[in-house]
Amino acid sequence: MYDPDRMPDPICGELETDHMDEQIPWMNQIIWAEDIRNPQARILKARYYGEISYIDDCIGRILDAVDAGPDANNTLICFFSDHGDHLGDHHAWQKESFFEASCHIPFLLSWPDRLPAGLARQELVCLTDLFSIATHAADAVEVREGRDVLGMLAGTAAPRDCLVGCYGDPGTPLFKVMVREGAWKYIFLANGGGEQLFNLENDPDEQVNCVHVEADTVSHLRSRAAAACDIPGARQALDENGLKAFPYRERRRDRIYQFDQSRDITGFPKKPEDVLKGWSTK
């Protein structure tokens, strides 16, 4: 559906910044993506856009069915995803980082009887808010670990002042934590104790790490990250100095292989010609 030559190239910063999160080069290697260059990236992006268009078409059929029903305007629809794909941005493929390409996801609400159409909001929301959306719509609002998004849209509930995200087991080198507050995004990486700070208003592509020029902002957001971890199940991420860091260590670079175990193919043969034994030559 889409011409690769019309696709934009990946947006990358300095490799030192993009790969400060050691999981990114590890992930690239494990999925055979460490040597992808821009021409191949444009081809992959074109294919990805086609897959998204297919999903959009399928969702359109669902929406058509809703519109054909008797109560379409009083039907609440929430469209979201669990993550994005780097698609080469930040010298990265797949997901599982705190760069915007991976963690800034679609989050759309439609309720014609209650909500205005075509309105974009800047408040911080996340997947923990889905529960409150459902319960509020049922007139029995419970927020649990989220926020009352529908109440926020109606002006009866306060928005978040910051959003904290965690990845990996607390107290291990794989742990990382992100704090988003205003224009700022702070990321702490337990593996090596690396820190990143991006101003998403001035630098939406996250290419300039402001850690060394915004010491007060770093200290403030680091404290918020530590406070968020000071709960049962996450305190292992802390030590007497705050967020626990580990000496930097690269994981073993490996590959994901997909063998046809249904035909007892569980690996590569020592001699490739052995695969041909028993095959007909006619």
C-alpha atoms as a PDB file:
ATOM      1  CA  MET A   1       0.000   0.000   0.000  1.00  0.00           C
ATOM      2  CA  TYR A   2       2.828   2.425   0.772  1.00  0.00           C
ATOM      3  CA  ASP A   3       5.881   3.367  -1.286  1.00  0.00           C
ATOM      4  CA  PRO A   4       9.082   2.828   0.733  1.00  0.00           C
ATOM      5  CA  ASP A   5      10.689   5.782  -1.045  1.00  0.00           C
ATOM      6  CA  ARG A   6       8.051   8.053   0.500  1.00  0.00           C
ATOM      7  CA  MET A   7       8.727   6.835   4.027  1.00  0.00           C
ATOM      8  CA  PRO A   8      10.797   9.046   6.352  1.00  0.00           C
ATOM      9  CA  ASP A   9      14.126   7.782   7.613  1.00  0.00           C
ATOM     10  CA  PRO A  10      14.428   6.847  11.307  1.00  0.00           C
ATOM     11  CA  ILE A  11      15.152   9.726  13.678  1.00  0.00           C
ATOM     12  CA  CYS A  12      18.332   9.048  15.605  1.00  0.00           C
ATOM     13  CA  GLY A  13      20.482  10.912  18.079  1.00  0.00           C
ATOM     14  CA  GLU A  14      24.013  10.263  19.235  1.00  0.00           C
ATOM     15  CA  LEU A  15      24.586   6.554  19.746  1.00  0.00           C
ATOM     16  CA  GLU A  16      25.878   7.250  23.261  1.00  0.00           C
ATOM     17  CA  THR A  17      22.452   8.639  24.177  1.00  0.00           C
ATOM     18  CA  ASP A  18      20.296   6.263  22.135  1.00  0.00           C
ATOM     19  CA  HIS A  19      22.030   3.141  23.445  1.00  0.00           C
ATOM     20  CA  MET A  20      22.556   4.257  27.039  1.00  0.00           C
ATOM     21  CA  ASP A  21      19.722   1.801  27.697  1.00  0.00           C
ATOM     22  CA  GLU A  22      21.679  -1.409  27.087  1.00  0.00           C
ATOM     23  CA  GLN A  23      18.449  -3.263  26.378  1.00  0.00           C
ATOM     24  CA  ILE A  24      18.171  -1.536  22.994  1.00  0.00           C
ATOM     25  CA  PRO A  25      21.319  -2.978  21.352  1.00  0.00           C
ATOM     26  CA  TRP A  26      20.600  -6.293  23.070  1.00  0.00           C
ATOM     27  CA  MET A  27      17.093  -6.328  21.576  1.00  0.00           C
ATOM     28  CA  ASN A  28      18.411  -5.313  18.154  1.00  0.00           C
ATOM     29  CA  GLN A  29      20.780  -8.264  18.176  1.00  0.00           C
ATOM     30  CA  ILE A  30      18.226 -10.776  19.414  1.00  0.00           C
ATOM     31  CA  ILE A  31      15.777  -9.981  16.584  1.00  0.00           C
ATOM     32  CA  TRP A  32      18.408  -9.734  13.825  1.00  0.00           C
ATOM     33  CA  ALA A  33      18.070  -5.949  13.520  1.00  0.00           C
ATOM     34  CA  GLU A  34      21.535  -4.702  14.469  1.00  0.00           C
ATOM     35  CA  ASP A  35      22.606  -4.000  10.861  1.00  0.00           C
ATOM     36  CA  ILE A  36      19.408  -2.515   9.412  1.00  0.00           C
ATOM     37  CA  ARG A  37      20.187   0.555   7.321  1.00  0.00           C
ATOM     38  CA  ASN A  38      17.862   3.350   6.210  1.00  0.00           C
ATOM     39  CA  PRO A  39      16.792   1.788   2.863  1.00  0.00           C
ATOM     40  CA  GLN A  40      15.683  -1.400   4.634  1.00  0.00           C
ATOM     41  CA  ALA A  41      14.122   0.679   7.438  1.00  0.00           C
ATOM     42  CA  ARG A  42      11.946   2.500   4.902  1.00  0.00           C
ATOM     43  CA  ILE A  43      10.774  -0.825   3.468  1.00  0.00           C
ATOM     44  CA  LEU A  44       9.902  -2.123   6.940  1.00  0.00           C
ATOM     45  CA  LYS A  45       8.097   1.108   7.807  1.00  0.00           C
ATOM     46  CA  ALA A  46       6.040   0.916   4.600  1.00  0.00           C
ATOM     47  CA  ARG A  47       4.995  -2.625   5.483  1.00  0.00           C
ATOM     48  CA  TYR A  48       4.188  -1.526   9.040  1.00  0.00           C
ATOM     49  CA  TYR A  49       2.005   1.329   7.744  1.00  0.00           C
ATOM     50  CA  GLY A  50       0.091  -1.215   5.657  1.00  0.00           C
ATOM     51  CA  GLU A  51      -0.504  -3.375   8.716  1.00  0.00           C
ATOM     52  CA  ILE A  52      -1.800  -0.348  10.626  1.00  0.00           C
ATOM     53  CA  SER A  53      -4.127   0.508   7.737  1.00  0.00           C
ATOM     54  CA  TYR A  54      -5.492  -3.029   7.865  1.00  0.00           C
ATOM     55  CA  ILE A  55      -6.181  -2.661  11.593  1.00  0.00           C
ATOM     56  CA  ASP A  56      -7.853   0.691  10.942  1.00  0.00           C
ATOM     57  CA  ASP A  57     -10.112  -0.927   8.353  1.00  0.00           C
ATOM     58  CA  CYS A  58     -11.097  -3.693  10.790  1.00  0.00           C
ATOM     59  CA  ILE A  59     -11.842  -1.142  13.513  1.00  0.00           C
ATOM     60  CA  GLY A  60     -13.871   0.824  10.991  1.00  0.00           C
ATOM     61  CA  ARG A  61     -16.106  -2.198  10.467  1.00  0.00           C
ATOM     62  CA  ILE A  62     -16.716  -2.388  14.215  1.00  0.00           C
ATOM     63  CA  LEU A  63     -17.539   1.320  14.343  1.00  0.00           C
ATOM     64  CA  ASP A  64     -19.898   0.936  11.375  1.00  0.00           C
ATOM     65  CA  ALA A  65     -21.729  -1.781  13.294  1.00  0.00           C
ATOM     66  CA  VAL A  66     -21.982   0.491  16.347  1.00  0.00           C
ATOM     67  CA  ASP A  67     -23.266   3.377  14.221  1.00  0.00           C
ATOM     68  CA  ALA A  68     -25.902   1.093  12.736  1.00  0.00           C
ATOM     69  CA  GLY A  69     -27.213   0.246  16.195  1.00  0.00           C
ATOM     70  CA  PRO A  70     -29.974   2.015  18.127  1.00  0.00           C
ATOM     71  CA  ASP A  71     -27.772   3.747  20.714  1.00  0.00           C
ATOM     72  CA  ALA A  72     -24.612   4.756  18.857  1.00  0.00           C
ATOM     73  CA  ASN A  73     -24.354   8.238  20.376  1.00  0.00           C
ATOM     74  CA  ASN A  74     -24.496   6.809  23.892  1.00  0.00           C
ATOM     75  CA  THR A  75     -21.774   4.244  23.247  1.00  0.00           C
ATOM     76  CA  LEU A  76     -18.394   4.883  24.850  1.00  0.00           C
ATOM     77  CA  ILE A  77     -15.428   3.677  22.805  1.00  0.00           C
ATOM     78  CA  CYS A  78     -11.852   3.723  24.067  1.00  0.00           C
ATOM     79  CA  PHE A  79      -9.077   2.978  21.586  1.00  0.00           C
ATOM     80  CA  PHE A  80      -5.568   2.333  22.903  1.00  0.00           C
ATOM     81  CA  SER A  81      -2.484   0.186  22.459  1.00  0.00           C
ATOM     82  CA  ASP A  82       0.021  -1.305  24.877  1.00  0.00           C
ATOM     83  CA  HIS A  83       3.193   0.036  23.219  1.00  0.00           C
ATOM     84  CA  GLY A  84       4.647   1.521  20.073  1.00  0.00           C
ATOM     85  CA  ASP A  85       7.492   0.325  17.864  1.00  0.00           C
ATOM     86  CA  HIS A  86      10.765   2.202  17.485  1.00  0.00           C
ATOM     87  CA  LEU A  87      10.934   1.409  13.742  1.00  0.00           C
ATOM     88  CA  GLY A  88      14.592   2.404  13.756  1.00  0.00           C
ATOM     89  CA  ASP A  89      14.235   5.613  15.762  1.00  0.00           C
ATOM     90  CA  HIS A  90      17.058   5.983  18.302  1.00  0.00           C
ATOM     91  CA  HIS A  91      18.940   3.164  16.559  1.00  0.00           C
ATOM     92  CA  ALA A  92      16.277   0.864  18.030  1.00  0.00           C
ATOM     93  CA  TRP A  93      13.735  -1.725  16.937  1.00  0.00           C
ATOM     94  CA  GLN A  94      10.733  -3.223  18.668  1.00  0.00           C
ATOM     95  CA  LYS A  95       9.757  -1.802  22.076  1.00  0.00           C
ATOM     96  CA  GLU A  96      10.491  -1.796  25.824  1.00  0.00           C
ATOM     97  CA  SER A  97      12.238   1.570  26.165  1.00  0.00           C
ATOM     98  CA  PHE A  98      10.995   4.852  27.615  1.00  0.00           C
ATOM     99  CA  PHE A  99      11.581   6.776  24.388  1.00  0.00           C
ATOM    100  CA  GLU A 100       8.380   8.309  23.023  1.00  0.00           C
ATOM    101  CA  ALA A 101       8.380   5.981  20.003  1.00  0.00           C
ATOM    102  CA  SER A 102       7.809   3.049  22.347  1.00  0.00           C
ATOM    103  CA  CYS A 103       5.819   4.425  25.272  1.00  0.00           C
ATOM    104  CA  HIS A 104       3.704   7.294  23.830  1.00  0.00           C
ATOM    105  CA  ILE A 105       0.687   5.339  22.627  1.00  0.00           C
ATOM    106  CA  PRO A 106      -2.722   6.060  21.062  1.00  0.00           C
ATOM    107  CA  PHE A 107      -5.391   6.850  23.653  1.00  0.00           C
ATOM    108  CA  LEU A 108      -8.683   7.944  22.077  1.00  0.00           C
ATOM    109  CA  LEU A 109     -12.141   8.325  23.589  1.00  0.00           C
ATOM    110  CA  SER A 110     -15.416   8.666  21.726  1.00  0.00           C
ATOM    111  CA  TRP A 111     -18.799   9.219  23.397  1.00  0.00           C
ATOM    112  CA  PRO A 112     -20.912  11.504  21.197  1.00  0.00           C
ATOM    113  CA  ASP A 113     -23.562  12.186  23.849  1.00  0.00           C
ATOM    114  CA  ARG A 114     -20.970  13.205  26.458  1.00  0.00           C
ATOM    115  CA  LEU A 115     -17.682  14.238  24.833  1.00  0.00           C
ATOM    116  CA  PRO A 116     -16.842  16.845  22.155  1.00  0.00           C
ATOM    117  CA  ALA A 117     -15.371  15.549  18.899  1.00  0.00           C
ATOM    118  CA  GLY A 118     -11.919  16.355  17.548  1.00  0.00           C
ATOM    119  CA  LEU A 119     -10.479  17.639  20.816  1.00  0.00           C
ATOM    120  CA  ALA A 120      -6.847  16.908  21.729  1.00  0.00           C
ATOM    121  CA  ARG A 121      -5.840  17.109  25.384  1.00  0.00           C
ATOM    122  CA  GLN A 122      -2.377  17.273  26.940  1.00  0.00           C
ATOM    123  CA  GLU A 123      -3.023  15.682  30.335  1.00  0.00           C
ATOM    124  CA  LEU A 124      -0.955  12.625  31.252  1.00  0.00           C
ATOM    125  CA  VAL A 125      -2.940   9.390  31.023  1.00  0.00           C
ATOM    126  CA  CYS A 126      -1.943   5.728  30.969  1.00  0.00           C
ATOM    127  CA  LEU A 127      -3.384   2.229  30.831  1.00  0.00           C
ATOM    128  CA  THR A 128      -4.106   2.131  34.573  1.00  0.00           C
ATOM    129  CA  ASP A 129      -6.830   4.692  33.816  1.00  0.00           C
ATOM    130  CA  LEU A 130      -8.909   2.265  31.759  1.00  0.00           C
ATOM    131  CA  PHE A 131     -10.568   0.840  34.848  1.00  0.00           C
ATOM    132  CA  SER A 132     -11.798   4.266  35.964  1.00  0.00           C
ATOM    133  CA  ILE A 133     -13.150   5.021  32.488  1.00  0.00           C
ATOM    134  CA  ALA A 134     -15.277   1.867  32.560  1.00  0.00           C
ATOM    135  CA  THR A 135     -16.504   2.350  36.133  1.00  0.00           C
ATOM    136  CA  HIS A 136     -17.234   6.067  35.646  1.00  0.00           C
ATOM    137  CA  ALA A 137     -19.277   5.284  32.539  1.00  0.00           C
ATOM    138  CA  ALA A 138     -21.234   2.780  34.655  1.00  0.00           C
ATOM    139  CA  ASP A 139     -21.934   5.473  37.295  1.00  0.00           C
ATOM    140  CA  ALA A 140     -19.849   3.638  39.904  1.00  0.00           C
ATOM    141  CA  VAL A 141     -16.464   5.285  39.509  1.00  0.00           C
ATOM    142  CA  GLU A 142     -13.418   3.595  41.052  1.00  0.00           C
ATOM    143  CA  VAL A 143      -9.920   4.743  40.164  1.00  0.00           C
ATOM    144  CA  ARG A 144      -7.740   2.224  42.017  1.00  0.00           C
ATOM    145  CA  GLU A 145      -4.220   2.906  40.673  1.00  0.00           C
ATOM    146  CA  GLY A 146      -5.425   5.199  37.895  1.00  0.00           C
ATOM    147  CA  ARG A 147      -7.091   8.571  37.539  1.00  0.00           C
ATOM    148  CA  ASP A 148     -10.698   9.518  36.763  1.00  0.00           C
ATOM    149  CA  VAL A 149     -10.222  10.485  33.118  1.00  0.00           C
ATOM    150  CA  LEU A 150     -13.888  11.182  32.404  1.00  0.00           C
ATOM    151  CA  GLY A 151     -14.077  13.274  35.555  1.00  0.00           C
ATOM    152  CA  MET A 152     -10.945  15.120  34.448  1.00  0.00           C
ATOM    153  CA  LEU A 153     -12.545  15.881  31.084  1.00  0.00           C
ATOM    154  CA  ALA A 154     -15.652  17.144  32.869  1.00  0.00           C
ATOM    155  CA  GLY A 155     -13.589  19.314  35.208  1.00  0.00           C
ATOM    156  CA  THR A 156     -14.594  17.404  38.351  1.00  0.00           C
ATOM    157  CA  ALA A 157     -11.338  15.466  38.877  1.00  0.00           C
ATOM    158  CA  ALA A 158      -7.760  16.688  39.026  1.00  0.00           C
ATOM    159  CA  PRO A 159      -5.254  15.626  36.370  1.00  0.00           C
ATOM    160  CA  ARG A 160      -1.918  14.025  37.173  1.00  0.00           C
ATOM    161  CA  ASP A 161       0.951  16.310  38.010  1.00  0.00           C
ATOM    162  CA  CYS A 162       3.402  13.582  36.943  1.00  0.00           C
ATOM    163  CA  LEU A 163       3.441  10.077  35.521  1.00  0.00           C
ATOM    164  CA  VAL A 164       5.842   7.353  36.649  1.00  0.00           C
ATOM    165  CA  GLY A 165       6.591   4.203  34.703  1.00  0.00           C
ATOM    166  CA  CYS A 166       8.745   1.248  35.733  1.00  0.00           C
ATOM    167  CA  TYR A 167      10.210  -1.645  33.779  1.00  0.00           C
ATOM    168  CA  GLY A 168      12.015  -4.789  34.941  1.00  0.00           C
ATOM    169  CA  ASP A 169      12.414  -6.354  38.368  1.00  0.00           C
ATOM    170  CA  PRO A 170      13.248  -3.789  41.078  1.00  0.00           C
ATOM    171  CA  GLY A 171      16.637  -4.443  42.632  1.00  0.00           C
ATOM    172  CA  THR A 172      18.140  -5.908  39.447  1.00  0.00           C
ATOM    173  CA  PRO A 173      20.260  -4.325  36.693  1.00  0.00           C
ATOM    174  CA  LEU A 174      17.305  -4.652  34.305  1.00  0.00           C
ATOM    175  CA  PHE A 175      15.228  -2.152  36.286  1.00  0.00           C
ATOM    176  CA  LYS A 176      14.523   1.280  34.843  1.00  0.00           C
ATOM    177  CA  VAL A 177      12.133   4.045  35.834  1.00  0.00           C
ATOM    178  CA  MET A 178      10.730   7.058  34.012  1.00  0.00           C
ATOM    179  CA  VAL A 179       9.121  10.242  35.353  1.00  0.00           C
ATOM    180  CA  ARG A 180       7.188  12.601  33.105  1.00  0.00           C
ATOM    181  CA  GLU A 181       6.344  16.019  34.563  1.00  0.00           C
ATOM    182  CA  GLY A 182       5.390  19.005  32.435  1.00  0.00           C
ATOM    183  CA  ALA A 183       7.763  19.245  29.498  1.00  0.00           C
ATOM    184  CA  TRP A 184      10.376  17.061  31.175  1.00  0.00           C
ATOM    185  CA  LYS A 185      11.017  13.339  30.944  1.00  0.00           C
ATOM    186  CA  TYR A 186      13.562  11.747  33.290  1.00  0.00           C
ATOM    187  CA  ILE A 187      14.844   8.170  32.874  1.00  0.00           C
ATOM    188  CA  PHE A 188      16.998   6.214  35.333  1.00  0.00           C
ATOM    189  CA  LEU A 189      18.728   3.021  34.225  1.00  0.00           C
ATOM    190  CA  ALA A 190      19.868   0.749  37.050  1.00  0.00           C
ATOM    191  CA  ASN A 191      22.376  -0.932  34.728  1.00  0.00           C
ATOM    192  CA  GLY A 192      25.237   1.533  35.099  1.00  0.00           C
ATOM    193  CA  GLY A 193      23.166   4.182  36.885  1.00  0.00           C
ATOM    194  CA  GLY A 194      22.700   6.141  33.663  1.00  0.00           C
ATOM    195  CA  GLU A 195      20.315   9.091  33.593  1.00  0.00           C
ATOM    196  CA  GLN A 196      18.553  10.852  30.759  1.00  0.00           C
ATOM    197  CA  LEU A 197      16.560  14.080  30.791  1.00  0.00           C
ATOM    198  CA  PHE A 198      14.671  15.342  27.762  1.00  0.00           C
ATOM    199  CA  ASN A 199      12.621  18.498  27.242  1.00  0.00           C
ATOM    200  CA  LEU A 200       9.794  17.242  25.039  1.00  0.00           C
ATOM    201  CA  GLU A 201       8.646  20.759  24.125  1.00  0.00           C
ATOM    202  CA  ASN A 202      12.009  21.909  22.803  1.00  0.00           C
ATOM    203  CA  ASP A 203      13.281  18.482  21.784  1.00  0.00           C
ATOM    204  CA  PRO A 204      10.339  16.222  20.872  1.00  0.00           C
ATOM    205  CA  ASP A 205      12.673  13.750  19.126  1.00  0.00           C
ATOM    206  CA  GLU A 206      14.641  13.216  22.374  1.00  0.00           C
ATOM    207  CA  GLN A 207      18.071  13.840  20.909  1.00  0.00           C
ATOM    208  CA  VAL A 208      19.550  16.129  23.581  1.00  0.00           C
ATOM    209  CA  ASN A 209      20.242  14.681  27.021  1.00  0.00           C
ATOM    210  CA  CYS A 210      19.971  17.607  29.450  1.00  0.00           C
ATOM    211  CA  VAL A 211      21.246  15.766  32.534  1.00  0.00           C
ATOM    212  CA  HIS A 212      24.438  17.823  32.829  1.00  0.00           C
ATOM    213  CA  VAL A 213      22.803  21.237  32.342  1.00  0.00           C
ATOM    214  CA  GLU A 214      19.603  20.826  34.394  1.00  0.00           C
ATOM    215  CA  ALA A 215      20.907  19.595  37.743  1.00  0.00           C
ATOM    216  CA  ASP A 216      17.951  20.886  39.775  1.00  0.00           C
ATOM    217  CA  THR A 217      15.404  19.278  37.462  1.00  0.00           C
ATOM    218  CA  VAL A 218      17.319  15.989  37.544  1.00  0.00           C
ATOM    219  CA  SER A 219      17.466  16.017  41.341  1.00  0.00           C
ATOM    220  CA  HIS A 220      13.756  16.792  41.629  1.00  0.00           C
ATOM    221  CA  LEU A 221      12.630  14.087  39.207  1.00  0.00           C
ATOM    222  CA  ARG A 222      15.074  11.543  40.624  1.00  0.00           C
ATOM    223  CA  SER A 223      13.472  12.141  44.022  1.00  0.00           C
ATOM    224  CA  ARG A 224      10.008  11.632  42.541  1.00  0.00           C
ATOM    225  CA  ALA A 225      11.159   8.376  40.967  1.00  0.00           C
ATOM    226  CA  ALA A 226      12.564   7.158  44.291  1.00  0.00           C
ATOM    227  CA  ALA A 227       9.381   8.133  46.122  1.00  0.00           C
ATOM    228  CA  ALA A 228       7.297   6.201  43.613  1.00  0.00           C
ATOM    229  CA  CYS A 229       9.446   3.121  44.255  1.00  0.00           C
ATOM    230  CA  ASP A 230       9.012   3.372  48.030  1.00  0.00           C
ATOM    231  CA  ILE A 231       6.133   0.902  48.084  1.00  0.00           C
ATOM    232  CA  PRO A 232       5.858  -2.848  48.731  1.00  0.00           C
ATOM    233  CA  GLY A 233       7.219  -4.758  45.774  1.00  0.00           C
ATOM    234  CA  ALA A 234       9.448  -1.957  44.516  1.00  0.00           C
ATOM    235  CA  ARG A 235      11.622  -0.997  47.492  1.00  0.00           C
ATOM    236  CA  GLN A 236      14.313  -3.339  46.215  1.00  0.00           C
ATOM    237  CA  ALA A 237      14.997  -0.618  43.628  1.00  0.00           C
ATOM    238  CA  LEU A 238      16.259   1.658  46.441  1.00  0.00           C
ATOM    239  CA  ASP A 239      19.334   1.817  48.629  1.00  0.00           C
ATOM    240  CA  GLU A 240      20.657   4.342  51.143  1.00  0.00           C
ATOM    241  CA  ASN A 241      21.509   6.731  48.295  1.00  0.00           C
ATOM    242  CA  GLY A 242      18.100   6.568  46.611  1.00  0.00           C
ATOM    243  CA  LEU A 243      17.722   4.690  43.325  1.00  0.00           C
ATOM    244  CA  LYS A 244      19.981   1.638  43.314  1.00  0.00           C
ATOM    245  CA  ALA A 245      22.574   1.438  40.552  1.00  0.00           C
ATOM    246  CA  PHE A 246      24.690  -1.508  39.414  1.00  0.00           C
ATOM    247  CA  PRO A 247      28.017  -1.631  37.583  1.00  0.00           C
ATOM    248  CA  TYR A 248      27.325  -1.421  33.860  1.00  0.00           C
ATOM    249  CA  ARG A 249      27.181  -4.823  32.217  1.00  0.00           C
ATOM    250  CA  GLU A 250      26.172  -5.872  28.739  1.00  0.00           C
ATOM    251  CA  ARG A 251      24.020  -8.943  28.427  1.00  0.00           C
ATOM    252  CA  ARG A 252      25.077 -11.843  26.269  1.00  0.00           C
ATOM    253  CA  ARG A 253      24.084 -11.109  22.697  1.00  0.00           C
ATOM    254  CA  ASP A 254      21.920 -13.926  21.383  1.00  0.00           C
ATOM    255  CA  ARG A 255      19.364 -14.626  18.665  1.00  0.00           C
ATOM    256  CA  ILE A 256      15.722 -15.654  18.542  1.00  0.00           C
ATOM    257  CA  TYR A 257      15.285 -18.696  16.322  1.00  0.00           C
ATOM    258  CA  GLN A 258      11.892 -19.970  15.219  1.00  0.00           C
ATOM    259  CA  PHE A 259      12.095 -23.660  14.393  1.00  0.00           C
ATOM    260  CA  ASP A 260       9.260 -25.929  13.313  1.00  0.00           C
ATOM    261  CA  GLN A 261       9.050 -28.068  16.425  1.00  0.00           C
ATOM    262  CA  SER A 262       5.886 -29.727  15.089  1.00  0.00           C
ATOM    263  CA  ARG A 263       8.219 -31.486  12.613  1.00  0.00           C
ATOM    264  CA  ASP A 264      10.925 -32.042  15.244  1.00  0.00           C
ATOM    265  CA  ILE A 265      13.077 -29.241  13.860  1.00  0.00           C
ATOM    266  CA  THR A 266      14.685 -27.815  16.972  1.00  0.00           C
ATOM    267  CA  GLY A 267      17.956 -26.450  15.607  1.00  0.00           C
ATOM    268  CA  PHE A 268      20.310 -26.225  12.661  1.00  0.00           C
ATOM    269  CA  PRO A 269      21.967 -29.438  11.460  1.00  0.00           C
ATOM    270  CA  LYS A 270      25.729 -29.731  11.796  1.00  0.00           C
ATOM    271  CA  LYS A 271      25.821 -30.646   8.109  1.00  0.00           C
ATOM    272  CA  PRO A 272      23.217 -28.809   5.983  1.00  0.00           C
ATOM    273  CA  GLU A 273      23.322 -31.578   3.373  1.00  0.00           C
ATOM    274  CA  ASP A 274      21.878 -33.957   5.984  1.00  0.00           C
ATOM    275  CA  VAL A 275      18.530 -32.196   5.594  1.00  0.00           C
ATOM    276  CA  LEU A 276      18.313 -33.444   2.012  1.00  0.00           C
ATOM    277  CA  LYS A 277      18.621 -37.112   2.918  1.00  0.00           C
ATOM    278  CA  GLY A 278      15.498 -38.987   1.948  1.00  0.00           C
ATOM    279  CA  TRP A 279      14.214 -36.229  -0.344  1.00  0.00           C
ATOM    280  CA  SER A 280      13.177 -37.221  -3.829  1.00  0.00           C
ATOM    281  CA  THR A 281      15.464 -36.043  -6.611  1.00  0.00           C
ATOM    282  CA  LYS A 282      12.890 -36.577  -9.327  1.00  0.00           C
END
